[in-house]
Amino acid sequence: MSTATPSYLSGELAPVPDEIGAVDLPVTGALPAELTGRYFRNGPNPLPGHDPGHWFAGDGMVHGIRLRDGRAEWYRNRWVRTRKFTDGAAYLGADGPDLTAVTANTSVMRHAGRILALVESGLPYELTPELETVGPCDFGGRLTTAMTAHPKRDPVTGELHFFGYGVLAPFLTYHRLSAAGELVESRAVDVPGPTMVHDFAITENHVVWLDLPVVFDMERVGRGLPFQWDDSYGARLGVMDRAGRVTWFDVDPCYVFHVGNAREDASGRVVLDAVRYSPGAFARIWPRVGGSAVPAAETGGAVLHRWVLDPASGAVKEEQLDDRAVEFPTLDEDLLGRSSRYLYTVTGDAVVKYDTVAGTSRVRDLGARPGEAVFVPASGARAEDGGWLLSIVNDREGSELLVLDAAGLDFVASVRLPRRVPAGFHGTWMPDR
């Protein structure tokens, strides 16, 4: 029997064994005084001696850095104390899934005064600003499905749009929270079967669905994550209006973990930019069990891609925007669902900034592996890229919170963290103001 440590518990993915805290962190460069708030980053971190079977399945741990007036006041890391973590509660039972027995390991965000740790398989868990766990949140008992880890806040209305998916009908349910945090709408969306819907998009007047061929597979239950590519399912995108009517568009087979942005153009078409995995690129990170072989020519990485969807005619246009393998697209969230110019992504040891209007890109090689680069707008900035990018970067000495100028990707400052932070998923900036 092999005793080798799995890749998802090794190297940059290796979990840390405990929770710590540190104050007065060393800073190189000059932190902008305007960056006064908290940067939180979520990711999988199973307890010592626990093998979750897949990187995506580790217990959630949130790492936090508190910045104030040019100083880095503290760092701390805390596991999200879900029922799975504290009680070993099983997700699947005789009465169906326990939506509180989850990992809460994918993202973290703030809405209507609540800080929520999210994973797409269950309910969010509320945290304090110091990263202590308050408990599961079902919005007054109104949320009875899982909640995506990628909700979308409309920058004009302040409403939070999200969804839940599951393995039993209805397979997909749309939800909407008011700006005050009240669940005001839930609506089933008709899809053929139980697929893994990791992300979606919104525009000013529409919701954009990703109904793609990664489907629930009972044979994989207990062997990592129970989803598998299914050539027979097909691939389509859906444009849903505010009345709940969905226009579906068949597209070339692919998978999308992360959306960049979507918007409506002057002709009423919906333009969606996202990071697209071809069947071969998906197979590199998620090997097939059986099924057809993947041609060697299709085993590249995930690339920035654009779909133009016309609800009036039913026509769809697809276009690859770059051949560079990237992930974790971010933007100025004040332009979410509206026309925007810049997307920020990461690849290898670099940050890549896309100008989606000019069709150009700029690369900043860091010599170390960055995590998702979160855009923080500067107060009163006249340009869309007036602000900073925040990313936890792993180098040979450990980890640091890196601050880049978003316009030119120039170094601004870095905060040396007191420990290595395992590679993880998504972060957020929560300003005090």
Protein backbone atom coordinates (compact mmCIF):
# COMPACT_ATOMS: atom_id res chain seq x y z
CA MET A 1 0.00 0.00 0.00
CA SER A 2 1.38 3.43 -0.94
CA THR A 3 2.11 5.82 1.92
CA ALA A 4 2.88 8.78 -0.32
CA THR A 5 1.22 12.04 0.68
CA PRO A 6 -1.42 13.05 -1.89
CA SER A 7 -0.58 16.06 -4.02
CA TYR A 8 -3.49 18.01 -2.54
CA LEU A 9 -1.87 17.73 0.92
CA SER A 10 1.67 18.54 -0.28
CA GLY A 11 3.77 21.52 -1.29
CA GLU A 12 1.87 24.77 -1.64
CA LEU A 13 -1.39 22.96 -0.89
CA ALA A 14 -0.15 21.43 2.36
CA PRO A 15 -2.42 22.48 5.27
CA VAL A 16 -1.14 24.30 8.33
CA PRO A 17 -1.65 22.47 11.65
CA ASP A 18 -3.06 25.17 13.90
CA GLU A 19 -4.48 28.64 14.44
CA ILE A 20 -2.16 31.49 15.34
CA GLY A 21 -2.16 35.26 15.64
CA ALA A 22 0.49 37.94 15.27
CA VAL A 23 0.57 41.73 15.57
CA ASP A 24 2.61 44.58 14.09
CA LEU A 25 3.52 42.77 10.90
CA PRO A 26 6.61 43.91 8.94
CA VAL A 27 5.86 46.04 5.88
CA THR A 28 8.05 46.65 2.84
CA GLY A 29 7.20 49.75 0.85
CA ALA A 30 4.38 52.05 1.94
CA LEU A 31 0.84 50.79 2.50
CA PRO A 32 -1.68 53.37 1.29
CA ALA A 33 -3.46 54.85 4.31
CA GLU A 34 -6.72 54.45 2.42
CA LEU A 35 -6.33 50.67 2.70
CA THR A 36 -7.93 50.61 6.13
CA GLY A 37 -9.94 47.46 6.62
CA ARG A 38 -9.58 43.69 6.51
CA TYR A 39 -8.39 41.33 3.80
CA PHE A 40 -9.78 37.80 4.24
CA ARG A 41 -8.85 34.75 2.16
CA ASN A 42 -10.64 31.38 2.35
CA GLY A 43 -9.39 27.95 1.35
CA PRO A 44 -9.26 24.23 2.22
CA ASN A 45 -7.22 23.25 5.28
CA PRO A 46 -8.09 19.79 6.67
CA LEU A 47 -7.21 18.99 10.27
CA PRO A 48 -3.88 17.19 10.83
CA GLY A 49 -4.17 13.51 9.94
CA HIS A 50 -7.37 13.99 7.91
CA ASP A 51 -7.44 13.14 4.21
CA PRO A 52 -10.55 14.64 2.58
CA GLY A 53 -9.94 12.80 -0.71
CA HIS A 54 -9.72 15.96 -2.85
CA TRP A 55 -8.29 19.45 -2.55
CA PHE A 56 -11.77 20.96 -2.88
CA ALA A 57 -13.05 18.96 0.12
CA GLY A 58 -10.80 20.22 2.94
CA ASP A 59 -12.21 22.10 5.95
CA GLY A 60 -12.44 25.84 5.42
CA MET A 61 -9.84 28.12 7.00
CA VAL A 62 -9.95 31.89 6.66
CA HIS A 63 -6.73 33.91 6.85
CA GLY A 64 -7.12 37.56 7.82
CA ILE A 65 -4.88 40.63 7.73
CA ARG A 66 -5.96 43.86 9.41
CA LEU A 67 -4.62 47.06 7.79
CA ARG A 68 -5.05 50.54 9.26
CA ASP A 69 -3.51 53.89 8.30
CA GLY A 70 -0.44 52.43 6.64
CA ARG A 71 0.18 49.72 9.23
CA ALA A 72 -0.45 45.97 9.26
CA GLU A 73 -1.96 45.55 12.72
CA TRP A 74 -2.54 41.80 12.80
CA TYR A 75 -2.72 38.45 11.11
CA ARG A 76 -4.82 35.52 12.27
CA ASN A 77 -6.16 32.29 10.81
CA ARG A 78 -9.24 30.41 11.97
CA TRP A 79 -11.05 27.28 10.87
CA VAL A 80 -14.73 27.80 10.11
CA ARG A 81 -16.44 25.78 12.80
CA THR A 82 -19.16 24.08 10.83
CA ARG A 83 -21.05 21.04 12.14
CA LYS A 84 -18.82 18.89 9.97
CA PHE A 85 -15.72 20.38 11.58
CA THR A 86 -16.85 20.39 15.23
CA ASP A 87 -19.13 17.33 15.36
CA GLY A 88 -18.04 15.23 12.39
CA ALA A 89 -21.60 15.51 11.11
CA ALA A 90 -22.29 13.67 7.86
CA TYR A 91 -23.49 15.65 4.88
CA LEU A 92 -25.79 12.91 3.58
CA GLY A 93 -28.24 11.23 5.95
CA ALA A 94 -31.55 9.39 5.93
CA ASP A 95 -33.42 12.70 5.59
CA GLY A 96 -31.25 14.02 2.78
CA PRO A 97 -28.35 16.47 2.90
CA ASP A 98 -27.51 18.36 6.10
CA LEU A 99 -26.78 21.83 4.73
CA THR A 100 -24.90 22.77 7.91
CA ALA A 101 -22.45 19.81 7.65
CA VAL A 102 -20.21 21.50 5.10
CA THR A 103 -16.66 22.78 4.72
CA ALA A 104 -17.37 26.51 4.13
CA ASN A 105 -14.00 26.62 2.36
CA THR A 106 -14.39 28.53 -0.92
CA SER A 107 -15.01 32.25 -0.49
CA VAL A 108 -15.82 34.90 2.09
CA MET A 109 -17.89 38.04 1.63
CA ARG A 110 -19.85 40.72 3.50
CA HIS A 111 -23.46 41.67 2.86
CA ALA A 112 -25.86 43.70 5.00
CA GLY A 113 -23.43 43.64 7.92
CA ARG A 114 -22.91 39.87 7.87
CA ILE A 115 -19.56 38.26 7.03
CA LEU A 116 -20.21 34.89 5.38
CA ALA A 117 -17.91 31.95 4.63
CA LEU A 118 -19.31 30.10 1.63
CA VAL A 119 -19.19 26.74 -0.12
CA GLU A 120 -21.64 25.68 -2.82
CA SER A 121 -22.81 22.48 -1.11
CA GLY A 122 -24.65 24.05 1.83
CA LEU A 123 -25.54 27.06 3.93
CA PRO A 124 -23.14 29.94 4.54
CA TYR A 125 -21.52 30.34 7.95
CA GLU A 126 -21.43 33.75 9.60
CA LEU A 127 -18.12 34.99 11.03
CA THR A 128 -17.15 37.89 13.27
CA PRO A 129 -14.68 40.53 12.07
CA GLU A 130 -12.08 38.65 14.16
CA LEU A 131 -12.90 35.38 12.31
CA GLU A 132 -14.73 33.60 15.11
CA THR A 133 -17.64 31.45 13.89
CA VAL A 134 -21.15 32.66 14.74
CA GLY A 135 -23.03 29.80 13.04
CA PRO A 136 -24.95 28.80 9.92
CA CYS A 137 -27.10 31.43 8.24
CA ASP A 138 -30.41 30.59 6.51
CA PHE A 139 -31.77 34.14 6.40
CA GLY A 140 -34.52 33.65 8.93
CA GLY A 141 -35.35 30.11 7.80
CA ARG A 142 -36.17 31.21 4.25
CA LEU A 143 -33.16 29.60 2.55
CA THR A 144 -33.76 25.88 2.15
CA THR A 145 -31.20 25.11 -0.56
CA ALA A 146 -27.44 25.38 -0.69
CA MET A 147 -25.89 28.77 -1.53
CA THR A 148 -23.27 29.31 -4.21
CA ALA A 149 -19.82 30.54 -3.18
CA HIS A 150 -20.09 33.18 -5.93
CA PRO A 151 -23.06 35.44 -5.20
CA LYS A 152 -23.27 38.67 -7.21
CA ARG A 153 -24.10 42.03 -5.66
CA ASP A 154 -25.77 44.47 -8.04
CA PRO A 155 -23.74 47.68 -7.62
CA VAL A 156 -26.76 49.88 -8.32
CA THR A 157 -29.54 48.21 -6.30
CA GLY A 158 -27.37 46.62 -3.62
CA GLU A 159 -29.30 43.36 -4.04
CA LEU A 160 -27.44 40.07 -3.77
CA HIS A 161 -28.22 37.50 -6.48
CA PHE A 162 -27.28 33.87 -5.89
CA PHE A 163 -28.40 30.29 -6.43
CA GLY A 164 -28.27 26.82 -5.02
CA TYR A 165 -27.90 23.52 -6.84
CA GLY A 166 -28.47 19.97 -5.70
CA VAL A 167 -28.73 16.36 -6.77
CA LEU A 168 -32.53 16.19 -6.35
CA ALA A 169 -35.13 18.22 -8.25
CA PRO A 170 -35.34 21.14 -8.49
CA PHE A 171 -31.70 20.90 -9.48
CA LEU A 172 -31.18 24.69 -9.69
CA THR A 173 -32.85 27.45 -7.65
CA TYR A 174 -32.35 31.20 -8.05
CA HIS A 175 -32.45 33.47 -4.97
CA ARG A 176 -32.33 37.20 -4.36
CA LEU A 177 -31.49 39.06 -1.16
CA SER A 178 -32.45 42.67 -0.61
CA ALA A 179 -29.74 45.22 0.16
CA ALA A 180 -30.84 44.87 3.79
CA GLY A 181 -30.19 41.12 3.75
CA GLU A 182 -33.76 39.78 3.50
CA LEU A 183 -34.43 36.82 1.20
CA VAL A 184 -37.13 38.25 -1.07
CA GLU A 185 -37.23 35.83 -3.99
CA SER A 186 -36.63 32.14 -4.67
CA ARG A 187 -37.37 30.58 -8.05
CA ALA A 188 -36.73 27.11 -9.49
CA VAL A 189 -34.88 27.08 -12.83
CA ASP A 190 -35.62 24.14 -15.12
CA VAL A 191 -32.48 22.20 -16.11
CA PRO A 192 -32.28 18.57 -17.30
CA GLY A 193 -30.21 17.13 -14.46
CA PRO A 194 -27.89 17.61 -11.48
CA THR A 195 -24.80 19.46 -12.69
CA MET A 196 -22.01 21.22 -10.81
CA VAL A 197 -22.79 24.91 -11.24
CA HIS A 198 -19.88 26.74 -9.66
CA ASP A 199 -20.50 30.29 -10.91
CA PHE A 200 -22.93 32.43 -12.89
CA ALA A 201 -23.26 36.05 -14.02
CA ILE A 202 -25.65 38.97 -13.83
CA THR A 203 -26.26 41.98 -16.05
CA GLU A 204 -28.45 44.99 -15.45
CA ASN A 205 -31.59 43.07 -16.46
CA HIS A 206 -30.60 39.42 -16.69
CA VAL A 207 -29.09 36.42 -14.96
CA VAL A 208 -26.73 34.23 -17.01
CA TRP A 209 -26.71 30.49 -16.26
CA LEU A 210 -23.97 27.95 -17.01
CA ASP A 211 -25.53 24.51 -17.68
CA LEU A 212 -22.42 22.50 -18.49
CA PRO A 213 -21.50 18.80 -18.70
CA VAL A 214 -20.04 18.12 -15.25
CA VAL A 215 -22.79 16.07 -13.63
CA PHE A 216 -23.47 14.24 -10.37
CA ASP A 217 -22.15 10.67 -10.45
CA MET A 218 -23.36 8.28 -7.74
CA GLU A 219 -20.41 5.97 -8.42
CA ARG A 220 -18.01 8.68 -7.26
CA VAL A 221 -19.69 9.21 -3.88
CA GLY A 222 -17.05 8.56 -1.23
CA ARG A 223 -14.21 8.97 -3.76
CA GLY A 224 -13.43 12.66 -3.66
CA LEU A 225 -16.08 14.86 -5.27
CA PRO A 226 -19.11 13.08 -6.78
CA PHE A 227 -19.10 14.81 -10.17
CA GLN A 228 -17.89 13.61 -13.56
CA TRP A 229 -17.65 14.99 -17.10
CA ASP A 230 -20.51 13.59 -19.20
CA ASP A 231 -20.19 14.00 -22.98
CA SER A 232 -23.88 13.19 -23.44
CA TYR A 233 -25.18 16.06 -21.28
CA GLY A 234 -24.32 18.84 -23.71
CA ALA A 235 -23.38 22.43 -22.92
CA ARG A 236 -25.53 25.53 -22.93
CA LEU A 237 -25.79 29.03 -21.50
CA GLY A 238 -29.06 30.56 -20.34
CA VAL A 239 -30.19 34.18 -20.23
CA MET A 240 -32.98 34.70 -17.68
CA ASP A 241 -35.03 37.88 -17.54
CA ARG A 242 -36.50 39.35 -14.37
CA ALA A 243 -39.77 37.45 -14.96
CA GLY A 244 -37.89 34.14 -14.85
CA ARG A 245 -38.05 33.36 -18.58
CA VAL A 246 -34.85 31.64 -19.77
CA THR A 247 -33.51 31.63 -23.32
CA TRP A 248 -31.01 28.79 -23.75
CA PHE A 249 -28.05 28.78 -26.15
CA ASP A 250 -26.16 25.64 -27.13
CA VAL A 251 -22.39 26.17 -27.00
CA ASP A 252 -19.29 24.09 -27.66
CA PRO A 253 -18.60 21.60 -24.82
CA CYS A 254 -16.64 23.23 -22.03
CA TYR A 255 -16.61 24.00 -18.32
CA VAL A 256 -16.38 27.30 -16.45
CA PHE A 257 -15.34 27.62 -12.85
CA HIS A 258 -15.12 31.42 -12.81
CA VAL A 259 -16.85 34.24 -14.64
CA GLY A 260 -15.12 37.55 -15.31
CA ASN A 261 -18.03 39.87 -16.09
CA ALA A 262 -21.17 40.12 -18.21
CA ARG A 263 -23.01 43.08 -19.72
CA GLU A 264 -25.72 44.06 -22.16
CA ASP A 265 -24.57 45.79 -25.35
CA ALA A 266 -26.40 48.49 -27.29
CA SER A 267 -28.23 45.85 -29.35
CA GLY A 268 -29.60 44.06 -26.29
CA ARG A 269 -27.20 41.15 -26.59
CA VAL A 270 -25.55 39.69 -23.50
CA VAL A 271 -21.74 39.59 -23.57
CA LEU A 272 -20.10 37.14 -21.18
CA ASP A 273 -16.36 36.92 -20.47
CA ALA A 274 -15.16 33.93 -18.46
CA VAL A 275 -12.30 31.47 -18.05
CA ARG A 276 -13.18 28.48 -20.25
CA TYR A 277 -11.92 24.90 -19.88
CA SER A 278 -12.04 22.78 -23.02
CA PRO A 279 -12.83 19.09 -22.40
CA GLY A 280 -9.11 18.34 -22.48
CA ALA A 281 -8.14 21.19 -20.17
CA PHE A 282 -10.78 20.08 -17.69
CA ALA A 283 -9.50 16.50 -17.84
CA ARG A 284 -6.05 17.71 -16.76
CA ILE A 285 -7.40 18.83 -13.39
CA TRP A 286 -10.29 16.35 -13.11
CA PRO A 287 -9.37 13.00 -14.75
CA ARG A 288 -12.24 11.10 -16.30
CA VAL A 289 -13.42 7.77 -14.98
CA GLY A 290 -14.04 5.80 -18.17
CA GLY A 291 -15.51 7.63 -21.15
CA SER A 292 -13.78 8.70 -24.32
CA ALA A 293 -10.09 9.52 -24.50
CA VAL A 294 -8.98 13.15 -24.58
CA PRO A 295 -6.98 14.17 -27.67
CA ALA A 296 -3.46 15.32 -26.75
CA ALA A 297 -4.02 18.54 -28.68
CA GLU A 298 -6.81 19.52 -26.30
CA THR A 299 -4.87 19.33 -23.03
CA GLY A 300 -3.95 22.99 -22.70
CA GLY A 301 -5.02 25.27 -19.87
CA ALA A 302 -8.14 27.33 -19.25
CA VAL A 303 -8.27 30.56 -21.25
CA LEU A 304 -10.20 33.80 -21.33
CA HIS A 305 -13.21 33.38 -23.61
CA ARG A 306 -16.18 35.46 -24.75
CA TRP A 307 -19.73 34.48 -25.63
CA VAL A 308 -22.18 36.93 -27.24
CA LEU A 309 -25.78 35.80 -26.68
CA ASP A 310 -28.72 37.33 -28.54
CA PRO A 311 -32.06 36.56 -26.83
CA ALA A 312 -33.98 38.12 -29.72
CA SER A 313 -32.59 35.87 -32.45
CA GLY A 314 -31.28 32.92 -30.45
CA ALA A 315 -27.85 33.37 -32.04
CA VAL A 316 -24.61 32.80 -30.12
CA LYS A 317 -21.04 33.76 -31.01
CA GLU A 318 -17.97 32.29 -29.30
CA GLU A 319 -14.48 33.79 -29.29
CA GLN A 320 -11.24 32.88 -27.53
CA LEU A 321 -9.66 36.10 -26.26
CA ASP A 322 -6.20 34.78 -25.40
CA ASP A 323 -4.17 31.57 -25.48
CA ARG A 324 -2.56 32.09 -22.06
CA ALA A 325 -3.71 29.75 -19.27
CA VAL A 326 -5.26 31.88 -16.49
CA GLU A 327 -7.69 31.65 -13.59
CA PHE A 328 -9.43 33.67 -10.85
CA PRO A 329 -10.65 36.67 -12.90
CA THR A 330 -11.53 39.76 -10.86
CA LEU A 331 -12.66 43.30 -11.66
CA ASP A 332 -13.91 46.52 -10.11
CA GLU A 333 -17.06 45.19 -8.43
CA ASP A 334 -18.70 48.61 -8.85
CA LEU A 335 -18.98 47.66 -12.54
CA LEU A 336 -20.32 44.15 -12.04
CA GLY A 337 -22.95 43.39 -14.67
CA ARG A 338 -22.20 46.60 -16.55
CA SER A 339 -19.68 47.62 -19.19
CA SER A 340 -16.15 47.25 -17.85
CA ARG A 341 -12.71 47.35 -19.42
CA TYR A 342 -10.26 45.52 -17.18
CA LEU A 343 -10.01 41.99 -15.84
CA TYR A 344 -7.23 40.81 -13.51
CA THR A 345 -6.16 37.16 -13.56
CA VAL A 346 -3.28 34.99 -12.34
CA THR A 347 -1.11 32.46 -14.14
CA GLY A 348 1.91 30.59 -12.80
CA ASP A 349 4.14 33.19 -11.11
CA ALA A 350 2.44 36.21 -12.66
CA VAL A 351 -0.54 38.54 -12.61
CA VAL A 352 -2.16 39.23 -15.99
CA LYS A 353 -4.27 42.34 -16.61
CA TYR A 354 -6.60 42.27 -19.62
CA ASP A 355 -7.91 45.31 -21.44
CA THR A 356 -11.02 43.68 -22.91
CA VAL A 357 -11.85 46.75 -24.99
CA ALA A 358 -8.47 47.15 -26.68
CA GLY A 359 -7.83 43.41 -26.75
CA THR A 360 -4.44 43.75 -25.05
CA SER A 361 -2.83 42.42 -21.89
CA ARG A 362 -0.09 43.33 -19.44
CA VAL A 363 1.89 40.79 -17.39
CA ARG A 364 3.67 41.29 -14.07
CA ASP A 365 6.08 38.45 -13.31
CA LEU A 366 6.40 38.10 -9.55
CA GLY A 367 8.88 35.24 -9.33
CA ALA A 368 6.48 33.63 -6.85
CA ARG A 369 3.01 32.16 -7.10
CA PRO A 370 0.16 34.63 -6.48
CA GLY A 371 -3.34 33.83 -5.34
CA GLU A 372 -6.42 35.60 -6.66
CA ALA A 373 -5.71 39.32 -7.12
CA VAL A 374 -8.57 41.30 -5.55
CA PHE A 375 -9.16 44.79 -6.96
CA VAL A 376 -9.72 47.61 -4.46
CA PRO A 377 -10.79 50.93 -6.02
CA ALA A 378 -9.14 54.12 -4.82
CA SER A 379 -11.49 56.77 -3.51
CA GLY A 380 -12.25 59.34 -6.18
CA ALA A 381 -10.35 57.49 -8.91
CA ARG A 382 -11.15 58.77 -12.40
CA ALA A 383 -9.91 55.70 -14.25
CA GLU A 384 -11.43 52.23 -13.97
CA ASP A 385 -8.05 50.81 -12.94
CA GLY A 386 -7.41 53.50 -10.33
CA GLY A 387 -6.76 51.37 -7.26
CA TRP A 388 -4.80 48.40 -6.00
CA LEU A 389 -4.58 44.63 -6.32
CA LEU A 390 -4.27 42.54 -3.16
CA SER A 391 -2.95 38.98 -3.37
CA ILE A 392 -1.39 36.47 -0.99
CA VAL A 393 1.84 35.33 -2.64
CA ASN A 394 3.89 32.28 -1.70
CA ASP A 395 7.66 32.49 -2.12
CA ARG A 396 10.63 30.56 -0.74
CA GLU A 397 10.52 32.44 2.56
CA GLY A 398 6.82 31.93 3.22
CA SER A 399 3.85 34.13 2.37
CA GLU A 400 3.13 37.80 2.03
CA LEU A 401 0.21 40.05 1.25
CA LEU A 402 1.27 41.86 -1.90
CA VAL A 403 -0.14 45.24 -2.93
CA LEU A 404 0.23 46.26 -6.58
CA ASP A 405 -0.88 49.41 -8.34
CA ALA A 406 -3.68 48.17 -10.59
CA ALA A 407 -2.95 50.60 -13.42
CA GLY A 408 0.64 49.58 -14.16
CA LEU A 409 0.96 46.45 -11.97
CA ASP A 410 3.82 48.22 -10.14
CA PHE A 411 4.89 47.23 -6.63
CA VAL A 412 3.38 49.34 -3.85
CA ALA A 413 3.93 47.38 -0.64
CA SER A 414 4.03 43.93 0.90
CA VAL A 415 3.22 42.56 4.33
CA ARG A 416 5.29 39.60 5.49
CA LEU A 417 2.99 37.08 7.16
CA PRO A 418 4.07 35.08 10.21
CA ARG A 419 3.49 31.75 8.50
CA ARG A 420 3.05 30.07 5.14
CA VAL A 421 -0.51 30.37 3.86
CA PRO A 422 -1.56 27.33 1.82
CA ALA A 423 -2.70 28.00 -1.73
CA GLY A 424 -6.43 28.57 -1.53
CA PHE A 425 -9.41 30.01 -3.34
CA HIS A 426 -11.04 33.42 -2.98
CA GLY A 427 -10.41 36.57 -0.99
CA THR A 428 -12.18 39.82 -0.30
CA TRP A 429 -11.39 43.31 0.92
CA MET A 430 -13.71 44.73 3.59
CA PRO A 431 -13.04 48.44 4.11
CA ASP A 432 -13.91 50.05 7.43
CA ARG A 433 -15.80 52.81 5.65
